[in-house]
Amino acid sequence: MKIQNKIMRVVDLFSGCGGMSLGFKEAGFDIVGAFDNWDAAVEIYKANFKHPIYKADLSNADYIQTIKELNPDLIVGGPPCQDYSIAGKREMGKRANLTIKFGEIVSQVKPTWVVFENVYNIERFPTLPQLKDILMNAGYGISTKVLDASLCGVPQKRKRFFLVGKLNAINGFFDDAFVANMSNAPMTVRDYLGDALQTQFYYMHPRSYNRRAVFSIDEPSATIRGINRPIPNNYKKHPADKADISDGVRALTTRERGYLQTFPDSFSFPGVKTDVELAIGNAVPPALAKYIAKSIILFQETNKERSQL
């Protein structure tokens, strides 16, 4: 017998343009509010959701009461990650401190569930143990996992760190749930989009020319970043490129990069191109967020059924 769960109320902190919110909404959760401090992301979010988004600097404690009044059962969030990213400076800074602020907000609001998302490199930094300590001292059991998005419904080789916490649970409680619905094979661009790109090969500007830049739709894409550049006139083929630039290879459009992040056609991206590209690249892929959301639902259903045996 399938047991119905109460629809959980979700608050999205550091929401960006709404990838996490969209994924949880599609899984059946009730998103009741979001918070972000970047104007461009806030405008994109407003264009796509009916619930309120607050332009807010969450390092300011004034917003704690507003979050409490939204009465969330679950707080999700991915604080800005540039200080942890392999694409940025590997140093601690204000952005890293927002990870601590996230933990402090959760510990004061005390939702039943918490989901924290960031780049996988966060495991190398002392901020993560501090976050764990804050949550555990507030009564949360926690589980962590680095997920490959291509095994979770996203046509992209994107590794992301997730922490899932639950009040009064034991550490490791969610370890099995993280992988219960994971695919056995990575999702390719063709798996997700078919022939919608109308090209077999495409260019994605690499972090450095020591990396390849030409990909096939019959593999997952590389990680979508916040920069989208055209093919340089002097580009030299990398040994691992799937095709030669002269073979009709082209760069992806902004909308196509949104597709690879699993944003649907119905999702609007108002704003200047550079801001939109950055918002897309920084977003949690909605399909990855939906994977986590459905894992939480499955965990609840499984444990309710066990308790009634």
Protein backbone atom coordinates (compact mmCIF):
# COMPACT_ATOMS: atom_id res chain seq x y z
CA MET A 1 0.00 0.00 0.00
CA LYS A 2 1.36 3.42 -0.96
CA ILE A 3 1.28 5.86 1.92
CA GLN A 4 0.60 9.50 1.14
CA ASN A 5 3.04 12.02 2.54
CA LYS A 6 2.14 15.51 3.60
CA ILE A 7 3.22 18.09 1.02
CA MET A 8 6.31 19.70 2.49
CA ARG A 9 6.82 23.45 2.56
CA VAL A 10 10.21 24.44 1.12
CA VAL A 11 12.31 27.59 1.44
CA ASP A 12 15.17 27.99 -1.05
CA LEU A 13 18.17 29.97 0.24
CA PHE A 14 20.76 31.34 -2.21
CA SER A 15 18.24 30.27 -4.84
CA GLY A 16 19.92 31.72 -7.91
CA CYS A 17 17.61 31.64 -10.90
CA GLY A 18 15.60 28.73 -9.49
CA GLY A 19 17.04 25.36 -10.51
CA MET A 20 16.63 23.83 -7.05
CA SER A 21 13.14 25.33 -6.63
CA LEU A 22 12.00 24.02 -10.00
CA GLY A 23 13.23 20.49 -9.31
CA PHE A 24 11.52 20.30 -5.93
CA LYS A 25 8.35 21.84 -7.35
CA GLU A 26 8.26 19.25 -10.13
CA ALA A 27 8.59 16.51 -7.49
CA GLY A 28 5.48 17.81 -5.73
CA PHE A 29 6.90 20.01 -2.97
CA ASP A 30 5.38 23.39 -2.09
CA ILE A 31 7.97 26.14 -2.57
CA VAL A 32 6.83 28.96 -0.28
CA GLY A 33 9.71 31.41 -0.64
CA ALA A 34 13.20 32.00 -1.98
CA PHE A 35 16.09 34.30 -1.12
CA ASP A 36 18.97 35.60 -3.23
CA ASN A 37 21.08 38.75 -3.41
CA TRP A 38 21.91 38.93 -7.14
CA ASP A 39 19.54 41.19 -9.07
CA ALA A 40 19.84 39.28 -12.35
CA ALA A 41 18.99 35.93 -10.74
CA VAL A 42 16.12 37.46 -8.77
CA GLU A 43 14.57 38.83 -11.99
CA ILE A 44 14.81 35.44 -13.71
CA TYR A 45 13.30 33.77 -10.65
CA LYS A 46 10.41 36.25 -10.53
CA ALA A 47 9.62 35.55 -14.18
CA ASN A 48 9.14 31.83 -13.51
CA PHE A 49 7.54 31.38 -10.08
CA LYS A 50 4.44 32.78 -8.38
CA HIS A 51 5.67 32.49 -4.80
CA PRO A 52 7.77 35.34 -3.37
CA ILE A 53 11.50 35.75 -3.80
CA TYR A 54 13.23 38.12 -1.44
CA LYS A 55 16.28 40.07 -2.56
CA ALA A 56 18.31 39.54 0.55
CA ASP A 57 21.85 39.51 1.87
CA LEU A 58 21.59 36.40 4.03
CA SER A 59 24.68 37.36 5.98
CA ASN A 60 22.26 39.80 7.64
CA ALA A 61 20.42 38.17 10.56
CA ASP A 62 17.34 40.37 9.95
CA TYR A 63 15.95 37.76 7.55
CA ILE A 64 15.77 34.93 10.11
CA GLN A 65 12.30 35.99 11.26
CA THR A 66 11.01 36.19 7.69
CA ILE A 67 12.22 32.65 7.04
CA LYS A 68 10.65 31.40 10.29
CA GLU A 69 7.30 32.96 9.34
CA LEU A 70 7.30 30.93 6.11
CA ASN A 71 7.20 27.85 8.37
CA PRO A 72 9.32 25.55 6.17
CA ASP A 73 9.46 21.79 6.63
CA LEU A 74 12.57 21.78 4.46
CA ILE A 75 15.29 24.33 3.75
CA VAL A 76 17.35 23.86 0.60
CA GLY A 77 20.28 25.92 -0.54
CA GLY A 78 23.54 26.22 -2.38
CA PRO A 79 25.58 29.18 -1.10
CA PRO A 80 27.85 30.82 -3.72
CA CYS A 81 30.71 28.42 -4.33
CA GLN A 82 33.46 30.31 -6.16
CA ASP A 83 35.82 30.06 -3.19
CA TYR A 84 35.66 26.27 -3.44
CA SER A 85 35.59 25.95 -7.22
CA ILE A 86 38.38 24.64 -9.39
CA ALA A 87 37.44 27.50 -11.72
CA GLY A 88 38.18 30.14 -9.09
CA LYS A 89 40.65 31.03 -6.37
CA ARG A 90 41.12 28.25 -3.86
CA GLU A 91 40.88 30.37 -0.76
CA MET A 92 38.48 31.11 2.02
CA GLY A 93 36.46 34.28 1.78
CA LYS A 94 33.08 35.90 2.32
CA ARG A 95 31.39 33.44 0.00
CA ALA A 96 32.75 30.51 1.98
CA ASN A 97 31.42 32.14 5.14
CA LEU A 98 27.93 32.01 3.64
CA THR A 99 28.13 28.23 4.05
CA ILE A 100 28.43 28.81 7.79
CA LYS A 101 25.57 31.31 7.63
CA PHE A 102 23.42 28.68 5.90
CA GLY A 103 24.03 26.29 8.78
CA GLU A 104 23.24 28.98 11.35
CA ILE A 105 19.95 29.83 9.63
CA VAL A 106 18.91 26.17 9.55
CA SER A 107 19.86 25.70 13.22
CA GLN A 108 17.66 28.66 14.22
CA VAL A 109 14.67 27.94 11.98
CA LYS A 110 14.77 24.18 12.69
CA PRO A 111 12.95 22.68 9.67
CA THR A 112 12.58 18.89 9.74
CA TRP A 113 14.78 18.50 6.66
CA VAL A 114 17.74 20.33 5.15
CA VAL A 115 19.42 19.93 1.74
CA PHE A 116 22.75 21.64 1.09
CA GLU A 117 24.37 21.61 -2.38
CA ASN A 118 27.77 22.79 -3.55
CA VAL A 119 30.75 21.93 -5.75
CA TYR A 120 32.46 18.66 -4.88
CA ASN A 121 35.67 20.50 -3.97
CA ILE A 122 34.05 21.73 -0.78
CA GLU A 123 35.19 18.47 0.81
CA ARG A 124 38.76 19.83 0.76
CA PHE A 125 37.95 22.85 2.89
CA PRO A 126 37.56 23.31 6.66
CA THR A 127 34.21 25.05 6.17
CA LEU A 128 32.41 21.76 5.58
CA PRO A 129 33.27 20.22 8.99
CA GLN A 130 32.12 23.49 10.56
CA LEU A 131 28.78 23.24 8.74
CA LYS A 132 28.38 19.62 9.82
CA ASP A 133 29.10 20.51 13.44
CA ILE A 134 26.53 23.31 13.41
CA LEU A 135 23.84 21.01 12.03
CA MET A 136 24.66 18.06 14.28
CA ASN A 137 24.70 20.30 17.36
CA ALA A 138 21.23 21.49 16.33
CA GLY A 139 19.97 17.89 16.35
CA TYR A 140 20.31 16.86 12.71
CA GLY A 141 21.55 13.52 11.48
CA ILE A 142 23.39 14.05 8.20
CA SER A 143 24.39 12.12 5.10
CA THR A 144 26.69 13.39 2.35
CA LYS A 145 27.38 12.29 -1.20
CA VAL A 146 29.10 13.58 -4.33
CA LEU A 147 26.68 12.84 -7.15
CA ASP A 148 27.43 12.55 -10.86
CA ALA A 149 24.52 14.40 -12.47
CA SER A 150 24.69 12.18 -15.57
CA LEU A 151 23.53 9.27 -13.38
CA CYS A 152 20.67 11.34 -11.95
CA GLY A 153 18.73 12.42 -15.04
CA VAL A 154 21.01 15.18 -16.35
CA PRO A 155 22.85 14.87 -19.71
CA GLN A 156 25.98 16.37 -18.23
CA LYS A 157 29.15 15.19 -16.48
CA ARG A 158 28.64 17.45 -13.50
CA LYS A 159 29.78 16.39 -10.03
CA ARG A 160 28.04 18.09 -7.12
CA PHE A 161 28.25 17.70 -3.37
CA PHE A 162 25.01 17.14 -1.42
CA LEU A 163 24.32 17.06 2.28
CA VAL A 164 20.89 15.87 3.43
CA GLY A 165 19.95 16.32 7.07
CA LYS A 166 16.93 15.36 9.17
CA LEU A 167 16.06 16.28 12.74
CA ASN A 168 16.53 13.44 15.23
CA ALA A 169 18.00 11.10 12.63
CA ILE A 170 21.32 9.29 12.89
CA ASN A 171 24.33 10.17 10.77
CA GLY A 172 24.33 8.16 7.56
CA PHE A 173 20.55 7.76 7.60
CA PHE A 174 20.22 8.84 3.94
CA ASP A 175 23.23 6.99 2.50
CA ASP A 176 21.16 4.29 0.76
CA ALA A 177 18.55 6.77 -0.44
CA PHE A 178 21.20 8.79 -2.29
CA VAL A 179 21.82 5.88 -4.67
CA ALA A 180 18.53 3.97 -4.63
CA ASN A 181 17.28 5.49 -7.91
CA MET A 182 20.62 6.11 -9.57
CA SER A 183 20.98 5.10 -13.21
CA ASN A 184 23.46 2.42 -14.19
CA ALA A 185 24.63 4.37 -17.25
CA PRO A 186 25.33 8.07 -17.82
CA MET A 187 22.70 10.05 -19.69
CA THR A 188 23.87 11.36 -23.06
CA VAL A 189 22.73 14.53 -24.79
CA ARG A 190 20.93 12.38 -27.37
CA ASP A 191 19.16 10.46 -24.58
CA TYR A 192 17.76 13.72 -23.26
CA LEU A 193 17.25 15.85 -26.37
CA GLY A 194 17.15 13.37 -29.23
CA ASP A 195 18.27 15.24 -32.36
CA ALA A 196 16.90 18.61 -31.18
CA LEU A 197 20.32 20.27 -31.44
CA GLN A 198 20.44 19.32 -35.14
CA THR A 199 24.15 18.69 -34.92
CA GLN A 200 26.19 15.63 -34.04
CA PHE A 201 29.09 17.63 -32.59
CA TYR A 202 29.30 20.92 -30.71
CA TYR A 203 31.88 23.22 -29.14
CA MET A 204 32.08 24.07 -25.43
CA HIS A 205 34.79 26.52 -24.44
CA PRO A 206 37.23 24.70 -22.11
CA ARG A 207 38.77 26.00 -18.88
CA SER A 208 42.14 25.63 -20.60
CA TYR A 209 43.34 24.44 -23.99
CA ASN A 210 44.83 21.41 -22.26
CA ARG A 211 41.25 20.12 -22.31
CA ARG A 212 39.14 19.15 -25.27
CA ALA A 213 36.34 21.37 -26.49
CA VAL A 214 34.42 19.36 -29.12
CA PHE A 215 31.82 16.90 -27.88
CA SER A 216 29.39 14.41 -29.40
CA ILE A 217 25.70 14.25 -28.54
CA ASP A 218 26.27 10.53 -27.87
CA GLU A 219 28.00 11.32 -24.55
CA PRO A 220 27.14 13.53 -21.59
CA SER A 221 28.17 17.15 -22.05
CA ALA A 222 30.96 18.68 -20.03
CA THR A 223 29.94 20.81 -17.05
CA ILE A 224 27.96 23.85 -18.16
CA ARG A 225 29.83 26.87 -16.80
CA GLY A 226 28.86 30.53 -16.62
CA ILE A 227 30.88 31.49 -19.69
CA ASN A 228 29.80 30.83 -23.26
CA ARG A 229 32.32 31.82 -25.93
CA PRO A 230 32.38 31.27 -29.70
CA ILE A 231 34.94 29.05 -31.38
CA PRO A 232 38.23 31.00 -31.61
CA ASN A 233 39.52 31.54 -35.15
CA ASN A 234 42.87 30.05 -34.16
CA TYR A 235 41.47 27.00 -32.33
CA LYS A 236 43.73 23.96 -32.66
CA LYS A 237 42.18 20.53 -32.43
CA HIS A 238 42.70 18.72 -29.14
CA PRO A 239 43.63 15.03 -29.49
CA ALA A 240 40.45 14.05 -27.58
CA ASP A 241 38.07 16.22 -29.63
CA LYS A 242 35.27 14.16 -31.16
CA ALA A 243 35.45 16.00 -34.49
CA ASP A 244 37.36 18.68 -36.36
CA ILE A 245 36.05 22.25 -36.13
CA SER A 246 35.74 22.29 -39.91
CA ASP A 247 33.18 19.48 -39.79
CA GLY A 248 30.24 21.80 -39.11
CA VAL A 249 30.92 22.08 -35.39
CA ARG A 250 29.26 25.06 -33.66
CA ALA A 251 28.96 26.52 -30.18
CA LEU A 252 25.71 26.07 -28.28
CA THR A 253 23.17 28.86 -27.88
CA THR A 254 22.20 30.17 -24.45
CA ARG A 255 18.88 28.32 -24.63
CA GLU A 256 20.60 25.07 -25.63
CA ARG A 257 22.91 25.37 -22.64
CA GLY A 258 19.79 25.81 -20.54
CA TYR A 259 18.47 22.54 -22.00
CA LEU A 260 21.65 20.72 -20.95
CA GLN A 261 21.07 22.09 -17.46
CA THR A 262 17.55 20.53 -17.81
CA PHE A 263 15.63 23.82 -17.80
CA PRO A 264 12.51 23.32 -19.94
CA ASP A 265 11.40 25.47 -22.87
CA SER A 266 8.76 27.01 -20.64
CA PHE A 267 11.44 28.48 -18.34
CA SER A 268 12.06 32.13 -19.17
CA PHE A 269 15.50 33.75 -19.07
CA PRO A 270 15.04 37.55 -19.14
CA GLY A 271 18.13 39.73 -18.88
CA VAL A 272 21.39 40.48 -20.65
CA LYS A 273 23.20 37.52 -22.19
CA THR A 274 26.23 37.54 -19.89
CA ASP A 275 24.03 37.52 -16.78
CA VAL A 276 21.78 34.80 -18.15
CA GLU A 277 24.76 32.60 -19.07
CA LEU A 278 26.17 33.00 -15.56
CA ALA A 279 22.80 32.24 -13.97
CA ILE A 280 22.43 29.08 -16.05
CA GLY A 281 25.96 27.93 -15.30
CA ASN A 282 25.59 28.54 -11.55
CA ALA A 283 22.21 26.81 -11.29
CA VAL A 284 21.48 23.44 -9.79
CA PRO A 285 20.13 21.40 -12.72
CA PRO A 286 16.41 21.04 -12.01
CA ALA A 287 16.52 17.33 -12.86
CA LEU A 288 19.27 16.81 -10.28
CA ALA A 289 17.25 18.68 -7.66
CA LYS A 290 14.22 16.59 -8.60
CA TYR A 291 16.30 13.44 -8.13
CA ILE A 292 17.12 14.51 -4.56
CA ALA A 293 13.50 15.52 -3.89
CA LYS A 294 12.16 12.17 -5.08
CA SER A 295 14.80 10.38 -3.01
CA ILE A 296 13.43 12.16 0.07
CA ILE A 297 9.89 11.11 -0.84
CA LEU A 298 10.97 7.50 -1.32
CA PHE A 299 12.83 7.56 2.01
CA GLN A 300 9.71 8.77 3.79
CA GLU A 301 7.45 6.22 2.14
CA THR A 302 9.83 3.36 2.86
CA ASN A 303 10.23 4.27 6.51
CA LYS A 304 6.48 4.78 7.06
CA GLU A 305 5.79 1.37 5.58
CA ARG A 306 8.46 -0.23 7.80
CA SER A 307 7.00 1.42 10.89
CA GLN A 308 3.60 -0.15 10.16
CA LEU A 309 4.91 -3.70 9.70
